[in-house]
Each structure stands twice: as structure tokens, then as C-alpha cells.
Amino acid sequence: MINSTPEISDADKTKLSAIAEFEGNNFSTLVSLSGLSKTDDFIGADLSNVDFSNSDLRGFNFTDADLSGCYGVSFQIDETTNLTGANVSSSIFALEKEKREFFSMHKDHLALFTRLQKEYWTTGALWVGENLRRTSKNFEASAKIAKYLYAGVKDETYKNQILYGIRSTFRTEEEYKEFLLNQLIDPQITQRSLRGVIDILGKRFASDPVINRILLLHLGHENKDIRKLCIPPVMTRRFFSQNREAIFTRIKNESDPFLRMTYTQHFAANAGPRAAQLLFNEDKKAYHDYAVPIDDRLFFGFVRGAVRAQKIARKAARIQKGMNVSMGTDVRYDEVVEAMDFYEPELRRFRDMGLPLKLAYSVEGFKRQLRAAREDIIEVE
């Protein structure tokens, strides 16, 4: 038997060297380096579960190919990408193929879709919301066109306006919710689009426990604007009481001081008026950042501020009832002394409930602060 080593041409050696040196797994780049033909070599190919991230797929012929389970972000595709007969189940190509098949059967809708894609964001978004269903004649068509429109528009401002404007194109609120949920699993969703989806879900579907769990997960998102949108719906009284431990876990990990104050504000709303009065920093006109230690000076300010807030609330209630009001809202020395015994255990109760307050004050320290400020407290006869 004669052993022979096949000869590799210089051109093939160059290709193999380029592939070996290429760092990454960009599909279109590897195809180009390998010398494969994007128009001939992928017909009927098994490309299931391939990552097409950052690939330029324009001009590829995937006729009868298995593209099931394919995924990726930031890939390019247009009308020159052939998906005829391809299996796109659970794939990033599923919506594109569905859109093509829909417009091939409803050519009268294609002109409308093309026009809307080119509209300026303000007029276009309003037109979508008010007229799309009427023009397309039925909910099914309007919802599909809205879905394809949202997926195809690249301008971030227009895209976000469309998200809000297309609600009326769906037959029911449930269908609109399902559309929004589908956007969350889109691997190409931008942070701006995600903010829009989260905002709508939190405002329109906050009572849905499934939506609240999704929002709860996004409390840990890297983008603070997205975390901010999630706080109000998950801190509603009912959901908060049912998911207290999970929410407090997120609270403890929050790094942004403004969001920590937002958590305190919503916690106070759930805990009752006493919490709202005590945890509001009268000097800063903002709720307390729970990561800031409550030392003697802060504790004194909280107590004094809470007493004043109580007096203001009582005075406002009497005015609303048309009663004669002669009471003032200045805080007396004895009122602060008396309130300390009431509010000191309240702070500890809030901490025991789970709010990660850092209590660094002492009763003796509070009294020293009180004596130092006695001259500033207005005595009311």
C-alpha cells in the first residue's frame, strides 16, 4: 500500500491560515475566509442552533436549510437573504419569514407597511395608533403590520413611539401584553426599547403577577433607568407583601442613591403615614437614602420633621373640613422630647421589616442634639 499525503494548494493554505488566525465565531466572516459560496453552499444545510451574532447575512441562500433554534444579535438581513422553505422554528429568522409570507398573500398591505416605515416618528406613531386598524380593515392584519413595523424600524425614537402607539391595533389588552412579552425575549432588543416595554408593562399590567415577577427580575438590571421603572409596580402593597424577601434582596444590592431613596419612599407608603413622616428628610426635601447611617443629628432631624409633618397634616385636615384654624406648625421643645420615645422604636420596626436602615444613633446622642438645638426651637405659648 502506498501512503500519500494530499497536496494543499497555496490558495487553500492561505484560507486555512486565515481561519486559524481569526479570533471569534462570526459566521459570515468564517464563510468568507473559507471560500464557501453564500449563494450555493447553504441550500438545504443543517445550520440549527448556530449563533449568527454580528454576521452580515445579506445575499445568503438558505433555501430548505434547517435554521431552527438559531440565535444572535446585531446581524444584518434583507430581501436578498433567501429563506424559502427553511425551517425557522424557535429561530431569529421566524418573524422575518412570517412577514414575507404575510405580505406575499396580502400585497395590498405591503404599500401601507412600506409607507409607515418611512414616516417621521411623531406623525408616523400617531398615524399608527389612530388609523392602522381602520385602514387594514381588521385586528388580525393591523396587529401583524404593527408587529412587523416595530421590528423593522431602526430609528430608536420612532421605534419607541410606535411601541406606545400600536396598542389600539390589537383586539384585546391580552394580545398587546403578549406582544410586549415577546419583545423581552428578542435577542436584539436595545436598552431604549427595553425601557419602553418595561414602562408599559409596569403602568398597564402592574396587577398581573406574571408581569410583576418579570419586573422583579429586572430590578437587578445593569441600567439604572430600567431599574427605576420597575420599582413602583413591584412596591405596590399586594405584590410587595407577597414578595417581600425577594424585593429586599434587590434593595440591599442597589448602588444608586436616588433609587435607594425611591425604595424608601415606596416602602414608607406601604408601611403607613408614620413611616412617610419619619423617613422624609425635611432638610433635603427627599426620602432618606437607607445606605446613609442615621446618626444622632439625622435622628434628631427626622423626629423634628415628623412632628412638624403631623401638625401640618392636622391643620390641612381642619381647613378641608371648613373648621376654624388657629393652630400653628412650629415645633415646641416638649413635643420633640415626647416624640422621641414614640419614633425611636418605629425606626427599629422598619429595620426589622427588612428595610436595610443603618441605625447609628443613641438616645443620649439624641438628647445632646436636642439640648444644642433648644435655642432654635420656637416656643409656642
Protein backbone atom coordinates (compact mmCIF):
# COMPACT_ATOMS: atom_id res chain seq x y z
CA MET A 1 0.00 0.00 0.00
CA ILE A 2 1.31 3.39 -0.96
CA ASN A 3 0.68 6.19 1.54
CA SER A 4 0.32 9.62 0.03
CA THR A 5 -0.39 12.96 1.61
CA PRO A 6 -2.83 15.08 -0.39
CA GLU A 7 -1.35 18.24 -1.75
CA ILE A 8 -2.82 21.50 -0.42
CA SER A 9 -2.71 24.39 -2.80
CA ASP A 10 -1.17 27.69 -1.79
CA ALA A 11 -4.63 29.30 -2.02
CA ASP A 12 -6.11 26.72 0.37
CA LYS A 13 -3.17 27.13 2.72
CA THR A 14 -3.83 30.86 2.80
CA LYS A 15 -7.51 30.25 3.60
CA LEU A 16 -6.72 27.73 6.38
CA SER A 17 -4.18 30.11 7.88
CA ALA A 18 -6.71 32.96 7.84
CA ILE A 19 -9.34 30.77 9.54
CA ALA A 20 -6.85 29.60 12.19
CA GLU A 21 -5.80 33.17 12.96
CA PHE A 22 -9.34 34.53 13.10
CA GLU A 23 -10.41 35.21 16.69
CA GLY A 24 -14.15 34.84 17.08
CA ASN A 25 -17.04 32.91 15.63
CA ASN A 26 -18.62 35.41 13.24
CA PHE A 27 -20.47 33.18 10.76
CA SER A 28 -20.28 35.41 7.69
CA THR A 29 -16.59 36.18 8.28
CA LEU A 30 -15.75 32.47 8.59
CA VAL A 31 -17.70 31.74 5.40
CA SER A 32 -15.73 34.40 3.58
CA LEU A 33 -12.39 33.12 4.90
CA SER A 34 -13.21 29.52 4.00
CA GLY A 35 -14.10 30.36 0.41
CA LEU A 36 -17.59 28.84 0.68
CA SER A 37 -20.28 30.27 -1.57
CA LYS A 38 -23.08 32.06 0.29
CA THR A 39 -25.36 31.59 -2.71
CA ASP A 40 -24.78 27.83 -3.30
CA ASP A 41 -23.26 26.03 -0.31
CA PHE A 42 -26.02 26.55 2.27
CA ILE A 43 -29.01 25.27 0.33
CA GLY A 44 -30.56 22.52 2.47
CA ALA A 45 -27.75 22.83 5.03
CA ASP A 46 -28.14 21.94 8.70
CA LEU A 47 -27.48 25.21 10.50
CA SER A 48 -29.63 24.56 13.55
CA ASN A 49 -28.65 26.36 16.77
CA VAL A 50 -25.99 28.48 15.05
CA ASP A 51 -25.01 31.82 16.58
CA PHE A 52 -25.32 34.46 13.85
CA SER A 53 -24.30 37.39 16.04
CA ASN A 54 -22.74 40.34 14.15
CA SER A 55 -22.96 38.44 10.84
CA ASP A 56 -23.82 40.05 7.51
CA LEU A 57 -26.34 37.60 6.03
CA ARG A 58 -27.31 39.68 3.04
CA GLY A 59 -27.13 37.60 -0.15
CA PHE A 60 -27.10 34.24 1.64
CA ASN A 61 -29.26 31.50 0.15
CA PHE A 62 -30.77 29.40 2.98
CA THR A 63 -33.37 27.65 0.79
CA ASP A 64 -34.66 24.49 2.55
CA ALA A 65 -31.98 24.89 5.25
CA ASP A 66 -32.55 23.93 8.88
CA LEU A 67 -32.30 27.22 10.79
CA SER A 68 -34.23 26.06 13.85
CA GLY A 69 -33.01 27.37 17.18
CA CYS A 70 -30.66 29.90 15.58
CA TYR A 71 -29.87 32.93 17.69
CA GLY A 72 -27.75 36.05 17.69
CA VAL A 73 -27.67 39.83 17.97
CA SER A 74 -26.71 42.67 15.63
CA PHE A 75 -26.91 40.57 12.46
CA GLN A 76 -27.83 42.04 9.07
CA ILE A 77 -30.57 40.62 6.84
CA ASP A 78 -32.58 41.99 3.92
CA GLU A 79 -34.68 40.88 0.92
CA THR A 80 -31.61 39.25 -0.66
CA THR A 81 -31.46 36.70 2.18
CA ASN A 82 -33.36 33.68 0.82
CA LEU A 83 -35.41 31.81 3.45
CA THR A 84 -37.65 29.85 1.04
CA GLY A 85 -38.60 26.51 2.58
CA ALA A 86 -36.27 26.99 5.54
CA ASN A 87 -37.15 25.63 8.97
CA VAL A 88 -37.11 28.69 11.22
CA SER A 89 -38.86 27.33 14.31
CA SER A 90 -37.64 28.99 17.54
CA SER A 91 -35.25 30.99 15.41
CA ILE A 92 -34.24 34.62 14.99
CA PHE A 93 -35.49 34.32 11.41
CA ALA A 94 -39.05 33.32 12.36
CA LEU A 95 -40.54 36.82 12.32
CA GLU A 96 -38.83 37.75 9.04
CA LYS A 97 -40.18 34.66 7.28
CA GLU A 98 -43.66 35.18 8.73
CA LYS A 99 -43.61 38.80 7.49
CA ARG A 100 -42.61 37.75 3.97
CA GLU A 101 -45.32 35.12 3.77
CA PHE A 102 -47.95 37.53 5.09
CA PHE A 103 -47.18 40.24 2.55
CA SER A 104 -46.95 37.71 -0.30
CA MET A 105 -50.60 36.84 0.43
CA HIS A 106 -51.68 40.41 1.27
CA LYS A 107 -49.90 42.62 -1.24
CA ASP A 108 -52.40 45.41 -0.58
CA HIS A 109 -50.93 45.81 2.93
CA LEU A 110 -47.33 46.00 1.73
CA ALA A 111 -47.66 49.58 0.45
CA LEU A 112 -49.07 50.66 3.82
CA PHE A 113 -46.25 48.93 5.66
CA THR A 114 -43.60 50.49 3.38
CA ARG A 115 -45.10 53.94 3.86
CA LEU A 116 -45.19 53.66 7.63
CA GLN A 117 -41.57 52.56 7.76
CA LYS A 118 -40.55 55.89 6.24
CA GLU A 119 -42.79 58.16 8.32
CA TYR A 120 -41.22 60.65 10.67
CA TRP A 121 -41.52 59.36 14.22
CA THR A 122 -44.10 61.87 15.57
CA THR A 123 -46.66 61.84 12.79
CA GLY A 124 -45.97 58.21 12.00
CA ALA A 125 -46.53 56.95 15.52
CA LEU A 126 -49.78 58.89 15.85
CA TRP A 127 -50.94 57.60 12.49
CA VAL A 128 -50.21 54.03 13.50
CA GLY A 129 -52.20 54.25 16.70
CA GLU A 130 -55.25 56.03 15.29
CA ASN A 131 -55.59 54.69 11.77
CA LEU A 132 -53.78 51.41 11.20
CA ARG A 133 -56.64 49.13 12.24
CA ARG A 134 -59.19 51.14 10.26
CA THR A 135 -57.03 51.11 7.12
CA SER A 136 -56.13 47.41 7.32
CA LYS A 137 -59.81 46.58 7.94
CA ASN A 138 -59.31 44.04 10.74
CA PHE A 139 -57.50 43.49 14.02
CA GLU A 140 -55.52 40.49 12.80
CA ALA A 141 -53.96 42.39 9.92
CA SER A 142 -53.36 45.57 11.93
CA ALA A 143 -51.65 43.67 14.75
CA LYS A 144 -49.37 41.86 12.30
CA ILE A 145 -48.45 45.05 10.43
CA ALA A 146 -47.77 46.79 13.75
CA LYS A 147 -45.54 43.92 14.85
CA TYR A 148 -43.55 43.90 11.59
CA LEU A 149 -43.31 47.68 11.64
CA TYR A 150 -41.92 47.77 15.15
CA ALA A 151 -39.36 45.06 14.34
CA GLY A 152 -38.25 46.70 11.09
CA VAL A 153 -37.83 50.35 12.12
CA LYS A 154 -34.27 51.26 13.07
CA ASP A 155 -34.71 54.82 14.32
CA GLU A 156 -34.84 54.47 18.10
CA THR A 157 -37.12 57.46 18.68
CA TYR A 158 -39.70 56.39 16.12
CA LYS A 159 -39.46 52.79 17.28
CA ASN A 160 -40.22 53.73 20.87
CA GLN A 161 -43.17 55.91 19.86
CA ILE A 162 -44.58 53.06 17.77
CA LEU A 163 -44.43 50.81 20.82
CA TYR A 164 -46.86 53.11 22.64
CA GLY A 165 -48.93 53.97 19.57
CA ILE A 166 -49.87 50.48 18.37
CA ARG A 167 -51.90 49.46 21.42
CA SER A 168 -55.19 50.11 19.61
CA THR A 169 -54.23 47.82 16.74
CA PHE A 170 -54.66 44.72 18.94
CA ARG A 171 -58.04 43.15 19.52
CA THR A 172 -57.54 42.87 23.30
CA GLU A 173 -55.22 44.10 26.01
CA GLU A 174 -54.09 40.49 26.44
CA GLU A 175 -52.82 40.39 22.85
CA TYR A 176 -50.97 43.65 23.40
CA LYS A 177 -49.40 42.24 26.56
CA GLU A 178 -48.28 39.10 24.69
CA PHE A 179 -46.70 41.31 22.03
CA LEU A 180 -44.78 43.22 24.71
CA LEU A 181 -43.65 40.00 26.39
CA ASN A 182 -42.34 38.71 23.06
CA GLN A 183 -40.14 41.79 22.81
CA LEU A 184 -38.41 40.84 26.06
CA ILE A 185 -37.07 37.62 24.53
CA ASP A 186 -35.82 39.38 21.39
CA PRO A 187 -32.02 38.97 21.48
CA GLN A 188 -31.61 42.22 19.55
CA ILE A 189 -33.68 44.43 21.84
CA THR A 190 -31.91 47.67 22.68
CA GLN A 191 -31.88 49.17 26.15
CA ARG A 192 -34.08 52.03 24.97
CA SER A 193 -36.67 49.61 23.59
CA LEU A 194 -36.43 47.58 26.77
CA ARG A 195 -37.15 50.71 28.82
CA GLY A 196 -40.28 51.31 26.74
CA VAL A 197 -41.52 47.74 27.15
CA ILE A 198 -40.86 47.75 30.90
CA ASP A 199 -42.56 51.14 31.27
CA ILE A 200 -45.75 49.96 29.55
CA LEU A 201 -45.83 46.62 31.36
CA GLY A 202 -45.41 48.35 34.71
CA LYS A 203 -48.08 51.01 34.07
CA ARG A 204 -50.72 48.95 32.25
CA PHE A 205 -50.30 45.46 33.66
CA ALA A 206 -48.98 46.01 37.17
CA SER A 207 -51.75 43.85 38.70
CA ASP A 208 -50.64 40.80 36.68
CA PRO A 209 -48.46 38.61 38.94
CA VAL A 210 -46.52 37.24 35.95
CA ILE A 211 -45.62 40.76 34.84
CA ASN A 212 -44.60 41.69 38.36
CA ARG A 213 -42.22 38.73 38.55
CA ILE A 214 -40.64 39.85 35.28
CA LEU A 215 -40.27 43.36 36.67
CA LEU A 216 -38.81 41.92 39.86
CA LEU A 217 -36.10 40.21 37.81
CA HIS A 218 -35.32 43.49 36.04
CA LEU A 219 -34.73 45.20 39.40
CA GLY A 220 -31.24 43.78 39.05
CA HIS A 221 -30.67 45.12 35.53
CA GLU A 222 -27.40 46.93 34.87
CA ASN A 223 -29.24 50.01 33.53
CA LYS A 224 -30.48 52.20 36.39
CA ASP A 225 -33.27 53.73 34.27
CA ILE A 226 -34.73 50.25 33.78
CA ARG A 227 -34.41 49.51 37.49
CA LYS A 228 -36.18 52.79 38.26
CA LEU A 229 -39.17 51.85 36.08
CA CYS A 230 -39.56 48.55 37.92
CA ILE A 231 -39.71 49.97 41.45
CA PRO A 232 -43.27 51.44 41.57
CA PRO A 233 -45.11 48.33 40.28
CA VAL A 234 -43.23 45.81 42.43
CA MET A 235 -43.67 48.01 45.50
CA THR A 236 -47.47 48.04 45.25
CA ARG A 237 -48.90 46.88 48.54
CA ARG A 238 -50.16 43.44 47.49
CA PHE A 239 -47.15 42.35 45.44
CA PHE A 240 -44.77 43.81 48.00
CA SER A 241 -46.38 41.84 50.83
CA GLN A 242 -46.18 38.60 48.82
CA ASN A 243 -42.59 39.08 47.63
CA ARG A 244 -41.05 41.00 50.49
CA GLU A 245 -37.92 38.86 50.85
CA ALA A 246 -37.04 38.90 47.13
CA ILE A 247 -37.61 42.65 46.90
CA PHE A 248 -35.45 43.40 49.93
CA THR A 249 -32.68 41.27 48.43
CA ARG A 250 -32.72 43.60 45.43
CA ILE A 251 -32.93 46.65 47.68
CA LYS A 252 -29.77 45.67 49.56
CA ASN A 253 -27.83 45.42 46.30
CA GLU A 254 -28.94 48.79 44.88
CA SER A 255 -25.95 51.04 44.15
CA ASP A 256 -27.68 54.25 43.03
CA PRO A 257 -28.56 56.69 45.86
CA PHE A 258 -31.57 58.17 44.02
CA LEU A 259 -33.06 54.70 43.55
CA ARG A 260 -32.39 53.88 47.19
CA MET A 261 -34.43 56.95 48.15
CA THR A 262 -37.15 55.81 45.75
CA TYR A 263 -37.28 52.44 47.50
CA THR A 264 -37.58 54.21 50.86
CA GLN A 265 -40.44 56.34 49.56
CA HIS A 266 -42.43 53.32 48.34
CA PHE A 267 -41.63 51.36 51.49
CA ALA A 268 -42.95 54.25 53.57
CA ALA A 269 -46.15 54.30 51.50
CA ASN A 270 -46.68 50.63 52.33
CA ALA A 271 -45.72 50.97 55.98
CA GLY A 272 -48.15 53.83 56.64
CA PRO A 273 -48.23 57.58 57.35
CA ARG A 274 -45.87 57.35 60.32
CA ALA A 275 -43.17 55.89 58.11
CA ALA A 276 -43.77 58.56 55.48
CA GLN A 277 -43.44 61.31 58.09
CA LEU A 278 -40.36 59.88 59.74
CA LEU A 279 -38.35 58.76 56.70
CA PHE A 280 -38.80 62.02 54.79
CA ASN A 281 -35.80 64.27 55.25
CA GLU A 282 -37.28 67.72 55.80
CA ASP A 283 -33.94 69.48 55.23
CA LYS A 284 -33.24 67.80 51.87
CA LYS A 285 -36.89 67.57 50.83
CA ALA A 286 -36.35 63.94 49.88
CA TYR A 287 -36.77 60.50 51.37
CA HIS A 288 -33.89 59.01 53.29
CA ASP A 289 -31.17 57.09 51.47
CA TYR A 290 -31.19 53.94 53.58
CA ALA A 291 -27.48 53.34 52.93
CA VAL A 292 -26.64 56.55 54.82
CA PRO A 293 -26.23 55.87 58.56
CA ILE A 294 -28.83 57.59 60.76
CA ASP A 295 -26.60 59.25 63.33
CA ASP A 296 -27.65 61.45 66.26
CA ARG A 297 -28.00 64.57 64.13
CA LEU A 298 -30.09 62.84 61.45
CA PHE A 299 -32.29 61.13 64.02
CA PHE A 300 -32.99 64.45 65.70
CA GLY A 301 -33.86 66.00 62.33
CA PHE A 302 -36.17 63.08 61.47
CA VAL A 303 -38.08 63.33 64.74
CA ARG A 304 -38.45 67.07 64.50
CA GLY A 305 -39.51 66.81 60.86
CA ALA A 306 -42.06 64.08 61.65
CA VAL A 307 -43.64 66.19 64.41
CA ARG A 308 -43.95 69.12 62.06
CA ALA A 309 -45.42 66.92 59.30
CA GLN A 310 -48.05 65.67 61.75
CA LYS A 311 -49.04 69.21 62.68
CA ILE A 312 -49.25 70.27 59.04
CA ALA A 313 -51.44 67.25 58.22
CA ARG A 314 -53.82 68.02 61.10
CA LYS A 315 -54.05 71.66 60.09
CA ALA A 316 -54.74 70.76 56.47
CA ALA A 317 -57.49 68.34 57.53
CA ARG A 318 -59.21 71.03 59.59
CA ILE A 319 -59.02 73.53 56.75
CA GLN A 320 -60.52 70.95 54.37
CA LYS A 321 -63.44 70.45 56.74
CA GLY A 322 -64.03 74.19 56.89
CA MET A 323 -63.10 74.40 60.56
CA ASN A 324 -61.63 77.49 62.18
CA VAL A 325 -57.84 77.09 62.21
CA SER A 326 -55.68 78.88 64.72
CA MET A 327 -53.06 76.19 65.35
CA GLY A 328 -49.51 76.80 64.14
CA THR A 329 -47.00 74.36 62.68
CA ASP A 330 -43.97 75.37 64.73
CA VAL A 331 -42.39 72.61 66.83
CA ARG A 332 -42.06 73.00 70.58
CA TYR A 333 -39.22 71.58 72.67
CA ASP A 334 -41.52 69.34 74.71
CA GLU A 335 -43.08 67.95 71.52
CA VAL A 336 -39.70 66.77 70.26
CA VAL A 337 -38.90 65.19 73.64
CA GLU A 338 -42.22 63.35 73.70
CA ALA A 339 -41.99 62.24 70.06
CA MET A 340 -38.57 60.68 70.51
CA ASP A 341 -39.99 57.92 72.71
CA PHE A 342 -42.57 57.19 70.01
CA TYR A 343 -40.40 57.31 66.90
CA GLU A 344 -37.27 55.60 68.20
CA PRO A 345 -38.87 52.12 68.20
CA GLU A 346 -40.53 52.91 64.87
CA LEU A 347 -37.17 53.10 63.13
CA ARG A 348 -36.19 49.77 64.61
CA ARG A 349 -39.51 48.31 63.45
CA PHE A 350 -38.86 49.45 59.89
CA ARG A 351 -35.43 47.83 60.02
CA ASP A 352 -36.92 44.61 61.36
CA MET A 353 -39.42 44.66 58.49
CA GLY A 354 -36.47 44.42 56.12
CA LEU A 355 -35.56 47.96 55.09
CA PRO A 356 -31.74 47.97 55.50
CA LEU A 357 -31.53 51.06 57.67
CA LYS A 358 -28.19 51.76 59.32
CA LEU A 359 -29.10 52.94 62.81
CA ALA A 360 -26.06 54.68 64.30
CA TYR A 361 -27.80 56.99 66.79
CA SER A 362 -28.22 56.68 70.55
CA VAL A 363 -30.77 58.09 72.96
CA GLU A 364 -28.05 60.02 74.78
CA GLY A 365 -26.76 61.41 71.50
CA PHE A 366 -30.28 62.50 70.57
CA LYS A 367 -30.60 64.36 73.87
CA ARG A 368 -27.32 66.16 73.22
CA GLN A 369 -28.57 67.23 69.83
CA LEU A 370 -31.82 68.35 71.42
CA ARG A 371 -30.06 70.48 74.00
CA ALA A 372 -27.82 72.02 71.35
CA ALA A 373 -30.83 72.92 69.22
CA ARG A 374 -33.06 74.07 72.05
CA GLU A 375 -32.43 77.71 71.35
CA ASP A 376 -33.60 77.25 67.75
CA ILE A 377 -36.88 75.57 68.67
CA ILE A 378 -39.66 78.12 68.80
CA GLU A 379 -41.62 78.00 72.00
CA VAL A 380 -45.32 78.48 71.33
CA GLU A 381 -47.43 79.69 74.19
